[in-house]
Structure formats: structure tokens, C-alpha cells
Amino acid sequence: MSWAPDAGRERERRLGMELGLEMFGGVGDSDKGITASGSITEHYISPNLLVHLPKGIMVKIGGAVGLTNVSQDLFRAAIAYEF
């Protein structure tokens, strides 16, 4: 799913979908300093769906599951425009 290069026309994006898995989280806090302790920092795993729409628009949705005691389950959504 890449941009179709053409010197005389506007860029055109092919429609497509991507499914991915993302892991993210913190590495500490301002009181305890840098740590990966699950009792202090939040860590998540999130399956994501990314949909490429025409004109460089992308929509991403996913649900994140907390992996530590201080993590809460999340729903995330994003809209992006690539220029």
C-alpha cells in the first residue's frame, strides 16, 4: 500500500486495511524514577485495525488490554491525514 508516483497528477492512495499488534507502556513516574515495575507503571497490549481511505486519510481503531495491576482497559481511535 504505497503512493502511486506520477509527476503530472495528484497522489492517489489505494484502499487497504492493515491489522497489527502493539505493545506500549510507561517506564516510571515522577516520584519513583525510571522503573518497569508493574505496581507503578501501566503496560498494554493492543490489537489495531488501520484503514487507508482515499486522499491520504487513515482511520485506526483498537482496544488495549492492561497487563499490570495499575493499567485499565482502553478503547482507542484515531483519524489521520497524510500530506
N, C-alpha and C. Protein backbone atom coordinates (compact mmCIF):
# COMPACT_ATOMS: atom_id res chain seq x y z
N MET A 1 0.83 -1.17 0.00
CA MET A 1 0.00 0.00 0.00
C MET A 1 0.89 1.24 0.00
N SER A 2 1.27 1.66 -1.14
CA SER A 2 2.16 2.81 -1.22
C SER A 2 1.58 3.84 -2.18
N TRP A 3 2.17 5.03 -2.10
CA TRP A 3 1.74 6.08 -3.01
C TRP A 3 2.12 5.71 -4.43
N ALA A 4 1.22 5.99 -5.36
CA ALA A 4 1.50 5.73 -6.77
C ALA A 4 2.16 6.98 -7.36
N PRO A 5 3.46 6.93 -7.65
CA PRO A 5 4.12 8.13 -8.15
C PRO A 5 3.72 8.47 -9.58
N ASP A 6 3.42 9.73 -9.80
CA ASP A 6 3.10 10.22 -11.14
C ASP A 6 3.32 11.72 -11.12
N ALA A 7 4.26 12.19 -11.91
CA ALA A 7 4.68 13.60 -11.85
C ALA A 7 3.56 14.57 -12.21
N GLY A 8 2.64 14.20 -13.07
CA GLY A 8 1.63 15.14 -13.54
C GLY A 8 0.32 15.13 -12.78
N ARG A 9 0.12 14.18 -11.86
CA ARG A 9 -1.17 14.08 -11.18
C ARG A 9 -0.99 14.12 -9.67
N GLU A 10 -2.10 14.38 -9.01
CA GLU A 10 -2.11 14.35 -7.55
C GLU A 10 -1.87 12.91 -7.09
N ARG A 11 -1.25 12.78 -5.93
CA ARG A 11 -1.01 11.43 -5.41
C ARG A 11 -2.33 10.72 -5.15
N GLU A 12 -2.36 9.45 -5.46
CA GLU A 12 -3.56 8.66 -5.22
C GLU A 12 -3.20 7.52 -4.29
N ARG A 13 -4.04 7.26 -3.33
CA ARG A 13 -3.80 6.22 -2.36
C ARG A 13 -4.73 5.06 -2.64
N ARG A 14 -4.19 3.88 -2.64
CA ARG A 14 -5.04 2.70 -2.80
C ARG A 14 -5.74 2.38 -1.48
N LEU A 15 -6.97 1.90 -1.57
CA LEU A 15 -7.69 1.49 -0.37
C LEU A 15 -7.04 0.25 0.19
N GLY A 16 -7.05 0.13 1.49
CA GLY A 16 -6.49 -1.07 2.10
C GLY A 16 -6.68 -1.08 3.60
N MET A 17 -6.44 -2.26 4.19
CA MET A 17 -6.54 -2.42 5.63
C MET A 17 -5.31 -3.15 6.13
N GLU A 18 -4.92 -2.83 7.34
CA GLU A 18 -3.82 -3.50 8.00
C GLU A 18 -4.25 -3.86 9.41
N LEU A 19 -3.86 -5.03 9.85
CA LEU A 19 -4.13 -5.48 11.20
C LEU A 19 -2.79 -5.61 11.91
N GLY A 20 -2.68 -5.07 13.11
CA GLY A 20 -1.41 -5.12 13.82
C GLY A 20 -1.60 -5.33 15.30
N LEU A 21 -0.48 -5.60 15.95
CA LEU A 21 -0.46 -5.79 17.39
C LEU A 21 0.59 -4.84 17.96
N GLU A 22 0.21 -4.07 18.96
CA GLU A 22 1.08 -3.04 19.52
C GLU A 22 1.23 -3.27 21.02
N MET A 23 2.43 -3.11 21.52
CA MET A 23 2.66 -3.13 22.96
C MET A 23 3.22 -1.77 23.35
N PHE A 24 2.67 -1.19 24.43
CA PHE A 24 3.14 0.10 24.88
C PHE A 24 2.97 0.24 26.38
N GLY A 25 3.66 1.20 26.95
CA GLY A 25 3.54 1.43 28.38
C GLY A 25 4.56 2.42 28.87
N GLY A 26 4.53 2.63 30.16
CA GLY A 26 5.41 3.60 30.78
C GLY A 26 6.71 2.99 31.26
N VAL A 27 7.63 3.86 31.66
CA VAL A 27 8.91 3.42 32.20
C VAL A 27 9.19 4.15 33.53
N GLY A 28 8.15 4.41 34.27
CA GLY A 28 8.33 5.05 35.56
C GLY A 28 7.37 6.19 35.79
N ASP A 29 7.61 6.94 36.85
CA ASP A 29 6.82 8.13 37.14
C ASP A 29 7.72 9.19 37.79
N SER A 30 7.17 10.34 38.05
CA SER A 30 7.98 11.45 38.56
C SER A 30 8.43 11.23 40.01
N ASP A 31 7.72 10.41 40.78
CA ASP A 31 8.09 10.17 42.18
C ASP A 31 9.10 9.04 42.33
N LYS A 32 8.91 7.94 41.61
CA LYS A 32 9.74 6.74 41.77
C LYS A 32 10.92 6.67 40.81
N GLY A 33 10.94 7.52 39.80
CA GLY A 33 12.02 7.48 38.81
C GLY A 33 11.75 6.46 37.73
N ILE A 34 12.80 6.06 37.03
CA ILE A 34 12.67 5.11 35.92
C ILE A 34 12.57 3.69 36.46
N THR A 35 11.49 3.02 36.10
CA THR A 35 11.27 1.64 36.51
C THR A 35 10.25 0.99 35.57
N ALA A 36 10.31 -0.33 35.45
CA ALA A 36 9.32 -1.07 34.67
C ALA A 36 8.42 -1.89 35.59
N SER A 37 8.40 -1.55 36.85
CA SER A 37 7.61 -2.27 37.83
C SER A 37 6.13 -2.19 37.50
N GLY A 38 5.46 -3.34 37.49
CA GLY A 38 4.03 -3.39 37.18
C GLY A 38 3.14 -2.79 38.25
N SER A 39 3.68 -2.56 39.44
CA SER A 39 2.88 -1.94 40.50
C SER A 39 2.88 -0.41 40.41
N ILE A 40 3.74 0.14 39.51
CA ILE A 40 3.86 1.58 39.37
C ILE A 40 3.46 2.05 37.97
N THR A 41 3.90 1.35 36.94
CA THR A 41 3.69 1.81 35.56
C THR A 41 2.63 0.98 34.84
N GLU A 42 2.01 1.61 33.86
CA GLU A 42 0.98 0.96 33.06
C GLU A 42 1.60 0.36 31.80
N HIS A 43 1.22 -0.88 31.48
CA HIS A 43 1.67 -1.55 30.27
C HIS A 43 0.45 -2.17 29.59
N TYR A 44 0.45 -2.15 28.24
CA TYR A 44 -0.72 -2.58 27.47
C TYR A 44 -0.31 -3.42 26.27
N ILE A 45 -1.25 -4.22 25.80
CA ILE A 45 -1.15 -4.88 24.50
C ILE A 45 -2.43 -4.54 23.76
N SER A 46 -2.29 -4.21 22.47
CA SER A 46 -3.44 -3.68 21.74
C SER A 46 -3.48 -4.21 20.31
N PRO A 47 -4.54 -4.95 19.94
CA PRO A 47 -4.74 -5.26 18.53
C PRO A 47 -5.34 -4.02 17.85
N ASN A 48 -4.85 -3.68 16.67
CA ASN A 48 -5.28 -2.47 15.96
C ASN A 48 -5.70 -2.79 14.54
N LEU A 49 -6.66 -2.04 14.04
CA LEU A 49 -7.06 -2.10 12.64
C LEU A 49 -6.83 -0.72 12.06
N LEU A 50 -6.05 -0.65 10.98
CA LEU A 50 -5.76 0.60 10.29
C LEU A 50 -6.36 0.52 8.90
N VAL A 51 -7.22 1.48 8.57
CA VAL A 51 -7.90 1.52 7.28
C VAL A 51 -7.39 2.73 6.50
N HIS A 52 -6.86 2.47 5.31
CA HIS A 52 -6.40 3.53 4.42
C HIS A 52 -7.56 3.91 3.50
N LEU A 53 -7.94 5.18 3.50
CA LEU A 53 -9.01 5.69 2.66
C LEU A 53 -8.41 6.58 1.58
N PRO A 54 -9.18 6.96 0.59
CA PRO A 54 -8.65 7.83 -0.47
C PRO A 54 -8.17 9.18 0.07
N LYS A 55 -7.34 9.84 -0.70
CA LYS A 55 -6.84 11.20 -0.41
C LYS A 55 -5.96 11.27 0.83
N GLY A 56 -5.30 10.15 1.21
CA GLY A 56 -4.37 10.16 2.32
C GLY A 56 -5.00 10.13 3.70
N ILE A 57 -6.25 9.75 3.82
CA ILE A 57 -6.92 9.69 5.12
C ILE A 57 -6.78 8.27 5.67
N MET A 58 -6.45 8.18 6.97
CA MET A 58 -6.33 6.90 7.64
C MET A 58 -7.19 6.90 8.90
N VAL A 59 -7.81 5.77 9.20
CA VAL A 59 -8.60 5.61 10.42
C VAL A 59 -8.05 4.40 11.16
N LYS A 60 -7.76 4.58 12.45
CA LYS A 60 -7.20 3.50 13.26
C LYS A 60 -8.11 3.28 14.47
N ILE A 61 -8.46 2.02 14.73
CA ILE A 61 -9.23 1.67 15.92
C ILE A 61 -8.56 0.47 16.59
N GLY A 62 -8.68 0.42 17.90
CA GLY A 62 -8.10 -0.69 18.63
C GLY A 62 -8.55 -0.68 20.07
N GLY A 63 -8.41 -1.82 20.69
CA GLY A 63 -8.72 -1.95 22.10
C GLY A 63 -7.47 -2.43 22.82
N ALA A 64 -7.09 -1.75 23.89
CA ALA A 64 -5.89 -2.11 24.64
C ALA A 64 -6.27 -2.82 25.93
N VAL A 65 -5.59 -3.92 26.21
CA VAL A 65 -5.81 -4.68 27.43
C VAL A 65 -4.65 -4.38 28.37
N GLY A 66 -4.97 -3.98 29.60
CA GLY A 66 -3.94 -3.68 30.59
C GLY A 66 -3.22 -4.93 31.04
N LEU A 67 -1.89 -4.86 31.13
CA LEU A 67 -1.08 -6.01 31.53
C LEU A 67 -0.59 -5.93 32.97
N THR A 68 -0.78 -4.80 33.63
CA THR A 68 -0.34 -4.65 35.02
C THR A 68 -1.53 -4.26 35.89
N ASN A 69 -1.32 -4.30 37.20
CA ASN A 69 -2.40 -4.01 38.15
C ASN A 69 -2.90 -2.58 38.05
N VAL A 70 -2.05 -1.64 37.66
CA VAL A 70 -2.46 -0.23 37.60
C VAL A 70 -2.98 0.16 36.22
N SER A 71 -2.99 -0.77 35.27
CA SER A 71 -3.48 -0.49 33.91
C SER A 71 -4.98 -0.70 33.83
N GLN A 72 -5.65 0.14 33.06
CA GLN A 72 -7.07 -0.04 32.78
C GLN A 72 -7.21 -0.40 31.31
N ASP A 73 -8.25 -1.15 30.97
CA ASP A 73 -8.50 -1.47 29.57
C ASP A 73 -8.93 -0.20 28.84
N LEU A 74 -8.50 -0.07 27.58
CA LEU A 74 -8.75 1.15 26.82
C LEU A 74 -9.38 0.84 25.47
N PHE A 75 -10.10 1.80 24.91
CA PHE A 75 -10.50 1.80 23.51
C PHE A 75 -9.87 3.03 22.89
N ARG A 76 -9.16 2.85 21.77
CA ARG A 76 -8.50 3.99 21.13
C ARG A 76 -8.96 4.10 19.69
N ALA A 77 -9.13 5.34 19.25
CA ALA A 77 -9.50 5.61 17.86
C ALA A 77 -8.72 6.85 17.40
N ALA A 78 -8.33 6.85 16.13
CA ALA A 78 -7.58 7.99 15.59
C ALA A 78 -7.93 8.18 14.13
N ILE A 79 -7.92 9.43 13.71
CA ILE A 79 -8.08 9.79 12.30
C ILE A 79 -6.86 10.60 11.92
N ALA A 80 -6.24 10.26 10.80
CA ALA A 80 -5.04 10.97 10.37
C ALA A 80 -5.16 11.35 8.90
N TYR A 81 -4.47 12.43 8.56
CA TYR A 81 -4.39 12.88 7.17
C TYR A 81 -2.92 12.99 6.82
N GLU A 82 -2.52 12.26 5.81
CA GLU A 82 -1.13 12.25 5.38
C GLU A 82 -0.97 13.16 4.18
N PHE A 83 -0.04 14.10 4.24
CA PHE A 83 0.18 15.02 3.12
C PHE A 83 1.63 15.07 2.75
